[in-house]
PDB file of all heavy atoms in Angstrom:
ATOM      1  N   VAL A   1      18.568  49.808 -12.854  1.00  0.00           N
ATOM      2  CA  VAL A   1      19.224  48.513 -12.650  1.00  0.00           C
ATOM      3  C   VAL A   1      18.503  47.719 -11.563  1.00  0.00           C
ATOM      4  O   VAL A   1      18.237  46.522 -11.697  1.00  0.00           O
ATOM      5  CB  VAL A   1      20.703  48.717 -12.261  1.00  0.00           C
ATOM      6  CG1 VAL A   1      21.330  47.376 -11.832  1.00  0.00           C
ATOM      7  CG2 VAL A   1      21.478  49.298 -13.432  1.00  0.00           C
ATOM      8  N   ALA A   2      18.149  48.380 -10.430  1.00  0.00           N
ATOM      9  CA  ALA A   2      17.442  47.700  -9.340  1.00  0.00           C
ATOM     10  C   ALA A   2      16.093  47.180  -9.808  1.00  0.00           C
ATOM     11  O   ALA A   2      15.677  46.065  -9.467  1.00  0.00           O
ATOM     12  CB  ALA A   2      17.271  48.664  -8.166  1.00  0.00           C
ATOM     13  N   GLY A   3      15.369  47.982 -10.590  1.00  0.00           N
ATOM     14  CA  GLY A   3      14.067  47.541 -11.095  1.00  0.00           C
ATOM     15  C   GLY A   3      14.188  46.360 -12.018  1.00  0.00           C
ATOM     16  O   GLY A   3      13.378  45.430 -11.976  1.00  0.00           O
ATOM     17  N   PHE A   4      15.223  46.375 -12.868  1.00  0.00           N
ATOM     18  CA  PHE A   4      15.432  45.263 -13.783  1.00  0.00           C
ATOM     19  C   PHE A   4      15.717  43.969 -13.022  1.00  0.00           C
ATOM     20  O   PHE A   4      15.178  42.900 -13.336  1.00  0.00           O
ATOM     21  CB  PHE A   4      16.599  45.601 -14.722  1.00  0.00           C
ATOM     22  CG  PHE A   4      16.984  44.466 -15.628  1.00  0.00           C
ATOM     23  CD1 PHE A   4      16.235  44.154 -16.745  1.00  0.00           C
ATOM     24  CD2 PHE A   4      18.117  43.685 -15.355  1.00  0.00           C
ATOM     25  CE1 PHE A   4      16.583  43.102 -17.574  1.00  0.00           C
ATOM     26  CE2 PHE A   4      18.469  42.648 -16.181  1.00  0.00           C
ATOM     27  CZ  PHE A   4      17.708  42.341 -17.291  1.00  0.00           C
ATOM     28  N   LEU A   5      16.577  44.059 -11.998  1.00  0.00           N
ATOM     29  CA  LEU A   5      16.902  42.875 -11.203  1.00  0.00           C
ATOM     30  C   LEU A   5      15.674  42.340 -10.482  1.00  0.00           C
ATOM     31  O   LEU A   5      15.485  41.125 -10.339  1.00  0.00           O
ATOM     32  CB  LEU A   5      18.008  43.204 -10.196  1.00  0.00           C
ATOM     33  CG  LEU A   5      19.403  43.462 -10.801  1.00  0.00           C
ATOM     34  CD1 LEU A   5      20.382  43.875  -9.708  1.00  0.00           C
ATOM     35  CD2 LEU A   5      19.910  42.224 -11.526  1.00  0.00           C
ATOM     36  N   ALA A   6      14.820  43.224  -9.983  1.00  0.00           N
ATOM     37  CA  ALA A   6      13.597  42.799  -9.292  1.00  0.00           C
ATOM     38  C   ALA A   6      12.676  42.035 -10.228  1.00  0.00           C
ATOM     39  O   ALA A   6      12.083  41.016  -9.850  1.00  0.00           O
ATOM     40  CB  ALA A   6      12.882  44.017  -8.709  1.00  0.00           C
ATOM     41  N   LEU A   7      12.545  42.522 -11.471  1.00  0.00           N
ATOM     42  CA  LEU A   7      11.709  41.828 -12.450  1.00  0.00           C
ATOM     43  C   LEU A   7      12.276  40.460 -12.784  1.00  0.00           C
ATOM     44  O   LEU A   7      11.539  39.475 -12.932  1.00  0.00           O
ATOM     45  CB  LEU A   7      11.579  42.665 -13.728  1.00  0.00           C
ATOM     46  CG  LEU A   7      10.714  43.922 -13.594  1.00  0.00           C
ATOM     47  CD1 LEU A   7      10.785  44.745 -14.888  1.00  0.00           C
ATOM     48  CD2 LEU A   7       9.263  43.542 -13.316  1.00  0.00           C
ATOM     49  N   ARG A   8      13.602  40.362 -12.908  1.00  0.00           N
ATOM     50  CA  ARG A   8      14.220  39.072 -13.199  1.00  0.00           C
ATOM     51  C   ARG A   8      13.981  38.080 -12.049  1.00  0.00           C
ATOM     52  O   ARG A   8      13.678  36.911 -12.258  1.00  0.00           O
ATOM     53  CB  ARG A   8      15.735  39.246 -13.415  1.00  0.00           C
ATOM     54  CG  ARG A   8      16.064  39.985 -14.690  1.00  0.00           C
ATOM     55  CD  ARG A   8      15.801  39.127 -15.913  1.00  0.00           C
ATOM     56  NE  ARG A   8      16.640  37.948 -15.932  1.00  0.00           N
ATOM     57  CZ  ARG A   8      16.465  36.929 -16.732  1.00  0.00           C
ATOM     58  NH1 ARG A   8      15.454  36.915 -17.568  1.00  0.00           N
ATOM     59  NH2 ARG A   8      17.279  35.890 -16.690  1.00  0.00           N
ATOM     60  N   LEU A   9      14.114  38.564 -10.800  1.00  0.00           N
ATOM     61  CA  LEU A   9      13.905  37.709  -9.646  1.00  0.00           C
ATOM     62  C   LEU A   9      12.472  37.207  -9.600  1.00  0.00           C
ATOM     63  O   LEU A   9      12.198  36.043  -9.303  1.00  0.00           O
ATOM     64  CB  LEU A   9      14.244  38.490  -8.363  1.00  0.00           C
ATOM     65  CG  LEU A   9      14.209  37.691  -7.048  1.00  0.00           C
ATOM     66  CD1 LEU A   9      15.268  36.598  -7.082  1.00  0.00           C
ATOM     67  CD2 LEU A   9      14.438  38.618  -5.863  1.00  0.00           C
ATOM     68  N   TYR A  10      11.517  38.078  -9.894  1.00  0.00           N
ATOM     69  CA  TYR A  10      10.102  37.705  -9.909  1.00  0.00           C
ATOM     70  C   TYR A  10       9.831  36.638 -10.956  1.00  0.00           C
ATOM     71  O   TYR A  10       9.093  35.672 -10.734  1.00  0.00           O
ATOM     72  CB  TYR A  10       9.265  38.957 -10.176  1.00  0.00           C
ATOM     73  CG  TYR A  10       7.769  38.695 -10.155  1.00  0.00           C
ATOM     74  CD1 TYR A  10       7.042  38.842  -8.989  1.00  0.00           C
ATOM     75  CD2 TYR A  10       7.104  38.298 -11.321  1.00  0.00           C
ATOM     76  CE1 TYR A  10       5.679  38.597  -8.966  1.00  0.00           C
ATOM     77  CE2 TYR A  10       5.748  38.055 -11.305  1.00  0.00           C
ATOM     78  CZ  TYR A  10       5.032  38.212 -10.135  1.00  0.00           C
ATOM     79  OH  TYR A  10       3.696  37.973 -10.102  1.00  0.00           O
ATOM     80  N   SER A  11      10.459  36.788 -12.139  1.00  0.00           N
ATOM     81  CA  SER A  11      10.207  35.833 -13.221  1.00  0.00           C
ATOM     82  C   SER A  11      10.770  34.458 -12.900  1.00  0.00           C
ATOM     83  O   SER A  11      10.275  33.446 -13.366  1.00  0.00           O
ATOM     84  CB  SER A  11      10.826  36.350 -14.533  1.00  0.00           C
ATOM     85  OG  SER A  11      12.236  36.385 -14.428  1.00  0.00           O
ATOM     86  N   VAL A  12      11.854  34.400 -12.106  1.00  0.00           N
ATOM     87  CA  VAL A  12      12.471  33.124 -11.776  1.00  0.00           C
ATOM     88  C   VAL A  12      11.718  32.421 -10.654  1.00  0.00           C
ATOM     89  O   VAL A  12      11.376  31.250 -10.725  1.00  0.00           O
ATOM     90  CB  VAL A  12      13.948  33.333 -11.372  1.00  0.00           C
ATOM     91  CG1 VAL A  12      14.534  32.026 -10.832  1.00  0.00           C
ATOM     92  CG2 VAL A  12      14.752  33.817 -12.566  1.00  0.00           C
ATOM     93  N   LEU A  13      11.412  33.187  -9.561  1.00  0.00           N
ATOM     94  CA  LEU A  13      10.788  32.581  -8.396  1.00  0.00           C
ATOM     95  C   LEU A  13       9.275  32.512  -8.490  1.00  0.00           C
ATOM     96  O   LEU A  13       8.645  31.651  -7.896  1.00  0.00           O
ATOM     97  CB  LEU A  13      11.177  33.373  -7.124  1.00  0.00           C
ATOM     98  CG  LEU A  13      12.678  33.396  -6.797  1.00  0.00           C
ATOM     99  CD1 LEU A  13      12.899  34.189  -5.517  1.00  0.00           C
ATOM    100  CD2 LEU A  13      13.218  31.992  -6.636  1.00  0.00           C
ATOM    101  N   GLY A  14       8.675  33.436  -9.209  1.00  0.00           N
ATOM    102  CA  GLY A  14       7.228  33.482  -9.273  1.00  0.00           C
ATOM    103  C   GLY A  14       6.644  33.968  -7.961  1.00  0.00           C
ATOM    104  O   GLY A  14       7.366  34.378  -7.048  1.00  0.00           O
ATOM    105  N   LYS A  15       5.339  33.942  -7.848  1.00  0.00           N
ATOM    106  CA  LYS A  15       4.641  34.390  -6.648  1.00  0.00           C
ATOM    107  C   LYS A  15       3.845  33.233  -6.088  1.00  0.00           C
ATOM    108  O   LYS A  15       3.095  32.581  -6.784  1.00  0.00           O
ATOM    109  CB  LYS A  15       3.703  35.560  -6.999  1.00  0.00           C
ATOM    110  CG  LYS A  15       2.986  36.106  -5.777  1.00  0.00           C
ATOM    111  CD  LYS A  15       2.264  37.402  -6.109  1.00  0.00           C
ATOM    112  CE  LYS A  15       1.156  37.174  -7.124  1.00  0.00           C
ATOM    113  NZ  LYS A  15       0.379  38.379  -7.418  1.00  0.00           N
ATOM    114  N   ARG A  16       3.998  32.921  -4.747  1.00  0.00           N
ATOM    115  CA  ARG A  16       3.286  31.812  -4.112  1.00  0.00           C
ATOM    116  C   ARG A  16       1.818  32.177  -3.959  1.00  0.00           C
ATOM    117  O   ARG A  16       1.487  33.238  -3.437  1.00  0.00           O
ATOM    118  CB  ARG A  16       3.895  31.492  -2.745  1.00  0.00           C
ATOM    119  CG  ARG A  16       5.339  31.011  -2.841  1.00  0.00           C
ATOM    120  CD  ARG A  16       5.847  30.563  -1.477  1.00  0.00           C
ATOM    121  NE  ARG A  16       5.124  29.393  -1.020  1.00  0.00           N
ATOM    122  CZ  ARG A  16       5.411  28.147  -1.369  1.00  0.00           C
ATOM    123  NH1 ARG A  16       6.396  27.909  -2.206  1.00  0.00           N
ATOM    124  NH2 ARG A  16       4.707  27.127  -0.902  1.00  0.00           N
ATOM    125  N   THR A  17       0.946  31.274  -4.411  1.00  0.00           N
ATOM    126  CA  THR A  17      -0.487  31.545  -4.363  1.00  0.00           C
ATOM    127  C   THR A  17      -1.219  30.602  -3.426  1.00  0.00           C
ATOM    128  O   THR A  17      -2.411  30.747  -3.202  1.00  0.00           O
ATOM    129  CB  THR A  17      -1.104  31.382  -5.766  1.00  0.00           C
ATOM    130  OG1 THR A  17      -0.987  30.024  -6.148  1.00  0.00           O
ATOM    131  CG2 THR A  17      -0.432  32.281  -6.767  1.00  0.00           C
ATOM    132  N   GLY A  18      -0.509  29.596  -2.910  1.00  0.00           N
ATOM    133  CA  GLY A  18      -1.169  28.605  -2.065  1.00  0.00           C
ATOM    134  C   GLY A  18      -1.666  27.421  -2.862  1.00  0.00           C
ATOM    135  O   GLY A  18      -2.204  26.473  -2.312  1.00  0.00           O
ATOM    136  N   HIS A  19      -1.478  27.405  -4.180  1.00  0.00           N
ATOM    137  CA  HIS A  19      -1.940  26.301  -5.032  1.00  0.00           C
ATOM    138  C   HIS A  19      -0.765  25.606  -5.707  1.00  0.00           C
ATOM    139  O   HIS A  19      -0.930  24.969  -6.743  1.00  0.00           O
ATOM    140  CB  HIS A  19      -2.893  26.827  -6.105  1.00  0.00           C
ATOM    141  CG  HIS A  19      -4.138  27.418  -5.525  1.00  0.00           C
ATOM    142  ND1 HIS A  19      -5.145  26.649  -5.026  1.00  0.00           N
ATOM    143  CD2 HIS A  19      -4.502  28.709  -5.328  1.00  0.00           C
ATOM    144  CE1 HIS A  19      -6.116  27.437  -4.574  1.00  0.00           C
ATOM    145  NE2 HIS A  19      -5.733  28.691  -4.734  1.00  0.00           N
ATOM    146  N   GLU A  20       0.427  25.727  -5.123  1.00  0.00           N
ATOM    147  CA  GLU A  20       1.579  25.061  -5.707  1.00  0.00           C
ATOM    148  C   GLU A  20       1.387  23.552  -5.656  1.00  0.00           C
ATOM    149  O   GLU A  20       0.676  23.035  -4.793  1.00  0.00           O
ATOM    150  CB  GLU A  20       2.860  25.429  -4.944  1.00  0.00           C
ATOM    151  CG  GLU A  20       3.295  26.884  -5.159  1.00  0.00           C
ATOM    152  CD  GLU A  20       2.455  27.850  -4.337  1.00  0.00           C
ATOM    153  OE1 GLU A  20       1.895  27.407  -3.331  1.00  0.00           O
ATOM    154  OE2 GLU A  20       2.349  29.017  -4.712  1.00  0.00           O
ATOM    155  N   GLN A  21       2.050  22.837  -6.535  1.00  0.00           N
ATOM    156  CA  GLN A  21       1.936  21.386  -6.580  1.00  0.00           C
ATOM    157  C   GLN A  21       2.467  20.788  -5.287  1.00  0.00           C
ATOM    158  O   GLN A  21       3.562  21.121  -4.843  1.00  0.00           O
ATOM    159  CB  GLN A  21       2.729  20.834  -7.767  1.00  0.00           C
ATOM    160  CG  GLN A  21       2.596  19.322  -7.924  1.00  0.00           C
ATOM    161  CD  GLN A  21       3.318  18.842  -9.146  1.00  0.00           C
ATOM    162  OE1 GLN A  21       3.947  19.612  -9.840  1.00  0.00           O
ATOM    163  NE2 GLN A  21       3.235  17.552  -9.398  1.00  0.00           N
ATOM    164  N   GLN A  22       1.680  19.911  -4.676  1.00  0.00           N
ATOM    165  CA  GLN A  22       2.085  19.261  -3.442  1.00  0.00           C
ATOM    166  C   GLN A  22       2.951  18.053  -3.765  1.00  0.00           C
ATOM    167  O   GLN A  22       2.901  17.510  -4.865  1.00  0.00           O
ATOM    168  CB  GLN A  22       0.843  18.800  -2.656  1.00  0.00           C
ATOM    169  CG  GLN A  22      -0.068  19.938  -2.253  1.00  0.00           C
ATOM    170  CD  GLN A  22       0.647  20.917  -1.343  1.00  0.00           C
ATOM    171  OE1 GLN A  22       1.329  20.501  -0.421  1.00  0.00           O
ATOM    172  NE2 GLN A  22       0.499  22.204  -1.615  1.00  0.00           N
ATOM    173  N   PRO A  23       3.771  17.594  -2.781  1.00  0.00           N
ATOM    174  CA  PRO A  23       4.578  16.391  -3.022  1.00  0.00           C
ATOM    175  C   PRO A  23       3.696  15.207  -3.378  1.00  0.00           C
ATOM    176  O   PRO A  23       2.588  15.074  -2.886  1.00  0.00           O
ATOM    177  CB  PRO A  23       5.276  16.166  -1.663  1.00  0.00           C
ATOM    178  CG  PRO A  23       5.242  17.489  -0.990  1.00  0.00           C
ATOM    179  CD  PRO A  23       3.984  18.164  -1.473  1.00  0.00           C
ATOM    180  N   ALA A  24       4.193  14.366  -4.244  1.00  0.00           N
ATOM    181  CA  ALA A  24       3.419  13.199  -4.679  1.00  0.00           C
ATOM    182  C   ALA A  24       3.104  12.318  -3.491  1.00  0.00           C
ATOM    183  O   ALA A  24       3.950  12.107  -2.617  1.00  0.00           O
ATOM    184  CB  ALA A  24       4.222  12.397  -5.715  1.00  0.00           C
ATOM    185  N   PRO A  25       1.864  11.794  -3.397  1.00  0.00           N
ATOM    186  CA  PRO A  25       1.507  10.926  -2.264  1.00  0.00           C
ATOM    187  C   PRO A  25       2.310   9.646  -2.279  1.00  0.00           C
ATOM    188  O   PRO A  25       2.714   9.162  -3.333  1.00  0.00           O
ATOM    189  CB  PRO A  25       0.017  10.652  -2.493  1.00  0.00           C
ATOM    190  CG  PRO A  25      -0.183  10.847  -3.959  1.00  0.00           C
ATOM    191  CD  PRO A  25       0.766  11.945  -4.367  1.00  0.00           C
ATOM    192  N   ILE A  26       2.540   9.091  -1.101  1.00  0.00           N
ATOM    193  CA  ILE A  26       3.258   7.829  -0.987  1.00  0.00           C
ATOM    194  C   ILE A  26       2.419   6.727  -1.610  1.00  0.00           C
ATOM    195  O   ILE A  26       1.217   6.649  -1.388  1.00  0.00           O
ATOM    196  CB  ILE A  26       3.537   7.514   0.491  1.00  0.00           C
ATOM    197  CG1 ILE A  26       4.389   8.637   1.095  1.00  0.00           C
ATOM    198  CG2 ILE A  26       4.216   6.167   0.651  1.00  0.00           C
ATOM    199  CD1 ILE A  26       4.608   8.477   2.584  1.00  0.00           C
ATOM    200  N   GLN A  27       3.044   5.903  -2.392  1.00  0.00           N
ATOM    201  CA  GLN A  27       2.330   4.799  -3.008  1.00  0.00           C
ATOM    202  C   GLN A  27       1.892   3.816  -1.934  1.00  0.00           C
ATOM    203  O   GLN A  27       2.506   3.688  -0.877  1.00  0.00           O
ATOM    204  CB  GLN A  27       3.224   4.089  -4.028  1.00  0.00           C
ATOM    205  CG  GLN A  27       3.625   4.998  -5.181  1.00  0.00           C
ATOM    206  CD  GLN A  27       2.421   5.487  -5.968  1.00  0.00           C
ATOM    207  OE1 GLN A  27       1.515   4.708  -6.245  1.00  0.00           O
ATOM    208  NE2 GLN A  27       2.405   6.760  -6.327  1.00  0.00           N
ATOM    209  N   THR A  28       0.826   3.067  -2.229  1.00  0.00           N
ATOM    210  CA  THR A  28       0.239   2.152  -1.253  1.00  0.00           C
ATOM    211  C   THR A  28       1.256   1.174  -0.705  1.00  0.00           C
ATOM    212  O   THR A  28       1.316   0.912   0.484  1.00  0.00           O
ATOM    213  CB  THR A  28      -0.928   1.373  -1.891  1.00  0.00           C
ATOM    214  OG1 THR A  28      -1.903   2.307  -2.365  1.00  0.00           O
ATOM    215  CG2 THR A  28      -1.568   0.446  -0.874  1.00  0.00           C
ATOM    216  N   ASP A  29       2.120   0.628  -1.569  1.00  0.00           N
ATOM    217  CA  ASP A  29       3.044  -0.390  -1.110  1.00  0.00           C
ATOM    218  C   ASP A  29       4.200   0.181  -0.318  1.00  0.00           C
ATOM    219  O   ASP A  29       5.011  -0.550   0.221  1.00  0.00           O
ATOM    220  CB  ASP A  29       3.577  -1.196  -2.297  1.00  0.00           C
ATOM    221  CG  ASP A  29       4.244  -0.293  -3.338  1.00  0.00           C
ATOM    222  OD1 ASP A  29       4.218   0.932  -3.165  1.00  0.00           O
ATOM    223  OD2 ASP A  29       4.792  -0.838  -4.307  1.00  0.00           O
ATOM    224  N   GLU A  30       4.300   1.547  -0.247  1.00  0.00           N
ATOM    225  CA  GLU A  30       5.362   2.176   0.519  1.00  0.00           C
ATOM    226  C   GLU A  30       4.891   2.578   1.902  1.00  0.00           C
ATOM    227  O   GLU A  30       5.680   2.944   2.756  1.00  0.00           O
ATOM    228  CB  GLU A  30       5.884   3.415  -0.213  1.00  0.00           C
ATOM    229  CG  GLU A  30       6.537   3.088  -1.565  1.00  0.00           C
ATOM    230  CD  GLU A  30       6.929   4.351  -2.305  1.00  0.00           C
ATOM    231  OE1 GLU A  30       6.584   5.444  -1.814  1.00  0.00           O
ATOM    232  OE2 GLU A  30       7.590   4.259  -3.334  1.00  0.00           O
ATOM    233  N   ARG A  31       3.592   2.540   2.149  1.00  0.00           N
ATOM    234  CA  ARG A  31       3.061   2.976   3.428  1.00  0.00           C
ATOM    235  C   ARG A  31       3.238   1.901   4.480  1.00  0.00           C
ATOM    236  O   ARG A  31       3.259   0.718   4.198  1.00  0.00           O
ATOM    237  CB  ARG A  31       1.571   3.327   3.297  1.00  0.00           C
ATOM    238  CG  ARG A  31       1.345   4.531   2.382  1.00  0.00           C
ATOM    239  CD  ARG A  31      -0.127   4.804   2.190  1.00  0.00           C
ATOM    240  NE  ARG A  31      -0.334   5.955   1.327  1.00  0.00           N
ATOM    241  CZ  ARG A  31      -1.508   6.339   0.857  1.00  0.00           C
ATOM    242  NH1 ARG A  31      -2.588   5.652   1.144  1.00  0.00           N
ATOM    243  NH2 ARG A  31      -1.612   7.400   0.089  1.00  0.00           N
ATOM    244  N   ALA A  32       3.361   2.358   5.716  1.00  0.00           N
ATOM    245  CA  ALA A  32       3.506   1.403   6.817  1.00  0.00           C
ATOM    246  C   ALA A  32       2.237   0.569   6.923  1.00  0.00           C
ATOM    247  O   ALA A  32       1.133   1.081   6.880  1.00  0.00           O
ATOM    248  CB  ALA A  32       3.753   2.154   8.118  1.00  0.00           C
ATOM    249  N   LYS A  33       2.406  -0.713   7.056  1.00  0.00           N
ATOM    250  CA  LYS A  33       1.256  -1.606   7.141  1.00  0.00           C
ATOM    251  C   LYS A  33       0.773  -1.693   8.578  1.00  0.00           C
ATOM    252  O   LYS A  33       1.559  -1.763   9.513  1.00  0.00           O
ATOM    253  CB  LYS A  33       1.633  -2.996   6.628  1.00  0.00           C
ATOM    254  CG  LYS A  33       2.002  -3.005   5.135  1.00  0.00           C
ATOM    255  CD  LYS A  33       2.377  -4.389   4.685  1.00  0.00           C
ATOM    256  CE  LYS A  33       2.731  -4.397   3.200  1.00  0.00           C
ATOM    257  NZ  LYS A  33       3.130  -5.727   2.725  1.00  0.00           N
ATOM    258  N   VAL A  34      -0.537  -1.675   8.744  1.00  0.00           N
ATOM    259  CA  VAL A  34      -1.124  -1.797  10.071  1.00  0.00           C
ATOM    260  C   VAL A  34      -1.061  -3.247  10.500  1.00  0.00           C
ATOM    261  O   VAL A  34      -1.431  -4.134   9.746  1.00  0.00           O
ATOM    262  CB  VAL A  34      -2.585  -1.308  10.072  1.00  0.00           C
ATOM    263  CG1 VAL A  34      -3.196  -1.497  11.437  1.00  0.00           C
ATOM    264  CG2 VAL A  34      -2.644   0.143   9.658  1.00  0.00           C
ATOM    265  N   THR A  35      -0.572  -3.486  11.712  1.00  0.00           N
ATOM    266  CA  THR A  35      -0.471  -4.846  12.201  1.00  0.00           C
ATOM    267  C   THR A  35      -1.376  -5.042  13.400  1.00  0.00           C
ATOM    268  O   THR A  35      -1.629  -4.125  14.156  1.00  0.00           O
ATOM    269  CB  THR A  35       0.972  -5.171  12.617  1.00  0.00           C
ATOM    270  OG1 THR A  35       1.443  -4.150  13.502  1.00  0.00           O
ATOM    271  CG2 THR A  35       1.883  -5.232  11.415  1.00  0.00           C
ATOM    272  N   VAL A  36      -1.842  -6.273  13.551  1.00  0.00           N
ATOM    273  CA  VAL A  36      -2.762  -6.578  14.641  1.00  0.00           C
ATOM    274  C   VAL A  36      -2.045  -6.447  15.981  1.00  0.00           C
ATOM    275  O   VAL A  36      -0.935  -6.934  16.154  1.00  0.00           O
ATOM    276  CB  VAL A  36      -3.314  -8.001  14.482  1.00  0.00           C
ATOM    277  CG1 VAL A  36      -4.206  -8.366  15.648  1.00  0.00           C
ATOM    278  CG2 VAL A  36      -4.083  -8.093  13.181  1.00  0.00           C
ATOM    279  N   LEU A  37      -2.687  -5.770  16.932  1.00  0.00           N
ATOM    280  CA  LEU A  37      -2.182  -5.655  18.288  1.00  0.00           C
ATOM    281  C   LEU A  37      -0.839  -4.962  18.359  1.00  0.00           C
ATOM    282  O   LEU A  37      -0.026  -5.255  19.222  1.00  0.00           O
ATOM    283  CB  LEU A  37      -2.074  -7.040  18.949  1.00  0.00           C
ATOM    284  CG  LEU A  37      -3.366  -7.827  19.004  1.00  0.00           C
ATOM    285  CD1 LEU A  37      -3.112  -9.190  19.613  1.00  0.00           C
ATOM    286  CD2 LEU A  37      -4.404  -7.105  19.836  1.00  0.00           C
ATOM    287  N   GLN A  38      -0.585  -4.047  17.442  1.00  0.00           N
ATOM    288  CA  GLN A  38       0.683  -3.338  17.484  1.00  0.00           C
ATOM    289  C   GLN A  38       0.652  -2.285  18.581  1.00  0.00           C
ATOM    290  O   GLN A  38      -0.206  -1.411  18.585  1.00  0.00           O
ATOM    291  CB  GLN A  38       0.961  -2.657  16.146  1.00  0.00           C
ATOM    292  CG  GLN A  38       2.291  -1.921  16.113  1.00  0.00           C
ATOM    293  CD  GLN A  38       2.575  -1.360  14.748  1.00  0.00           C
ATOM    294  OE1 GLN A  38       1.761  -1.458  13.850  1.00  0.00           O
ATOM    295  NE2 GLN A  38       3.729  -0.750  14.581  1.00  0.00           N
ATOM    296  N   PRO A  39       1.592  -2.311  19.538  1.00  0.00           N
ATOM    297  CA  PRO A  39       1.575  -1.313  20.606  1.00  0.00           C
ATOM    298  C   PRO A  39       2.004   0.040  20.099  1.00  0.00           C
ATOM    299  O   PRO A  39       2.788   0.155  19.167  1.00  0.00           O
ATOM    300  CB  PRO A  39       2.585  -1.870  21.618  1.00  0.00           C
ATOM    301  CG  PRO A  39       3.512  -2.697  20.802  1.00  0.00           C
ATOM    302  CD  PRO A  39       2.674  -3.287  19.689  1.00  0.00           C
ATOM    303  N   ARG A  40       1.504   1.088  20.706  1.00  0.00           N
ATOM    304  CA  ARG A  40       1.850   2.451  20.343  1.00  0.00           C
ATOM    305  C   ARG A  40       2.867   2.982  21.331  1.00  0.00           C
ATOM    306  O   ARG A  40       2.771   2.782  22.531  1.00  0.00           O
ATOM    307  CB  ARG A  40       0.597   3.329  20.375  1.00  0.00           C
ATOM    308  CG  ARG A  40       0.855   4.778  20.015  1.00  0.00           C
ATOM    309  CD  ARG A  40      -0.433   5.565  20.067  1.00  0.00           C
ATOM    310  NE  ARG A  40      -1.385   5.048  19.108  1.00  0.00           N
ATOM    311  CZ  ARG A  40      -2.674   5.344  19.124  1.00  0.00           C
ATOM    312  NH1 ARG A  40      -3.164   6.132  20.062  1.00  0.00           N
ATOM    313  NH2 ARG A  40      -3.485   4.850  18.214  1.00  0.00           N
ATOM    314  N   THR A  41       3.879   3.694  20.824  1.00  0.00           N
ATOM    315  CA  THR A  41       4.899   4.245  21.692  1.00  0.00           C
ATOM    316  C   THR A  41       4.279   5.214  22.677  1.00  0.00           C
ATOM    317  O   THR A  41       3.493   6.073  22.318  1.00  0.00           O
ATOM    318  CB  THR A  41       5.970   4.961  20.858  1.00  0.00           C
ATOM    319  OG1 THR A  41       6.545   4.029  19.958  1.00  0.00           O
ATOM    320  CG2 THR A  41       7.052   5.538  21.746  1.00  0.00           C
ATOM    321  N   SER A  42       4.661   5.083  23.926  1.00  0.00           N
ATOM    322  CA  SER A  42       4.128   5.950  24.961  1.00  0.00           C
ATOM    323  C   SER A  42       5.239   6.380  25.881  1.00  0.00           C
ATOM    324  O   SER A  42       6.053   5.576  26.314  1.00  0.00           O
ATOM    325  CB  SER A  42       3.039   5.217  25.768  1.00  0.00           C
ATOM    326  OG  SER A  42       2.650   5.983  26.873  1.00  0.00           O
ATOM    327  N   GLY A  43       5.294   7.669  26.177  1.00  0.00           N
ATOM    328  CA  GLY A  43       6.320   8.175  27.055  1.00  0.00           C
ATOM    329  C   GLY A  43       5.845   8.286  28.478  1.00  0.00           C
ATOM    330  O   GLY A  43       6.536   8.842  29.327  1.00  0.00           O
ATOM    331  N   ASP A  44       4.664   7.770  28.781  1.00  0.00           N
ATOM    332  CA  ASP A  44       4.121   7.883  30.129  1.00  0.00           C
ATOM    333  C   ASP A  44       4.928   7.048  31.105  1.00  0.00           C
ATOM    334  O   ASP A  44       5.541   6.056  30.751  1.00  0.00           O
ATOM    335  CB  ASP A  44       2.661   7.406  30.162  1.00  0.00           C
ATOM    336  CG  ASP A  44       1.766   8.317  29.362  1.00  0.00           C
ATOM    337  OD1 ASP A  44       2.151   9.465  29.122  1.00  0.00           O
ATOM    338  OD2 ASP A  44       0.680   7.865  28.983  1.00  0.00           O
TER     339      ASP A  44
END
C-alpha cells in the first residue's frame, strides 16, 4: 500500500529538474516606465 501511494504521488507531482516553465515575462506596456530625473529611494 505504501509503495502504491508513493508511485501515485510521484505521478501527480513529478520530479523537479530545474527546467520547469518560468512565469510569463511582463509585457512591455506593463513595465514601469523610466522617467527623466527620477530620484531613487534612499534610506541614508
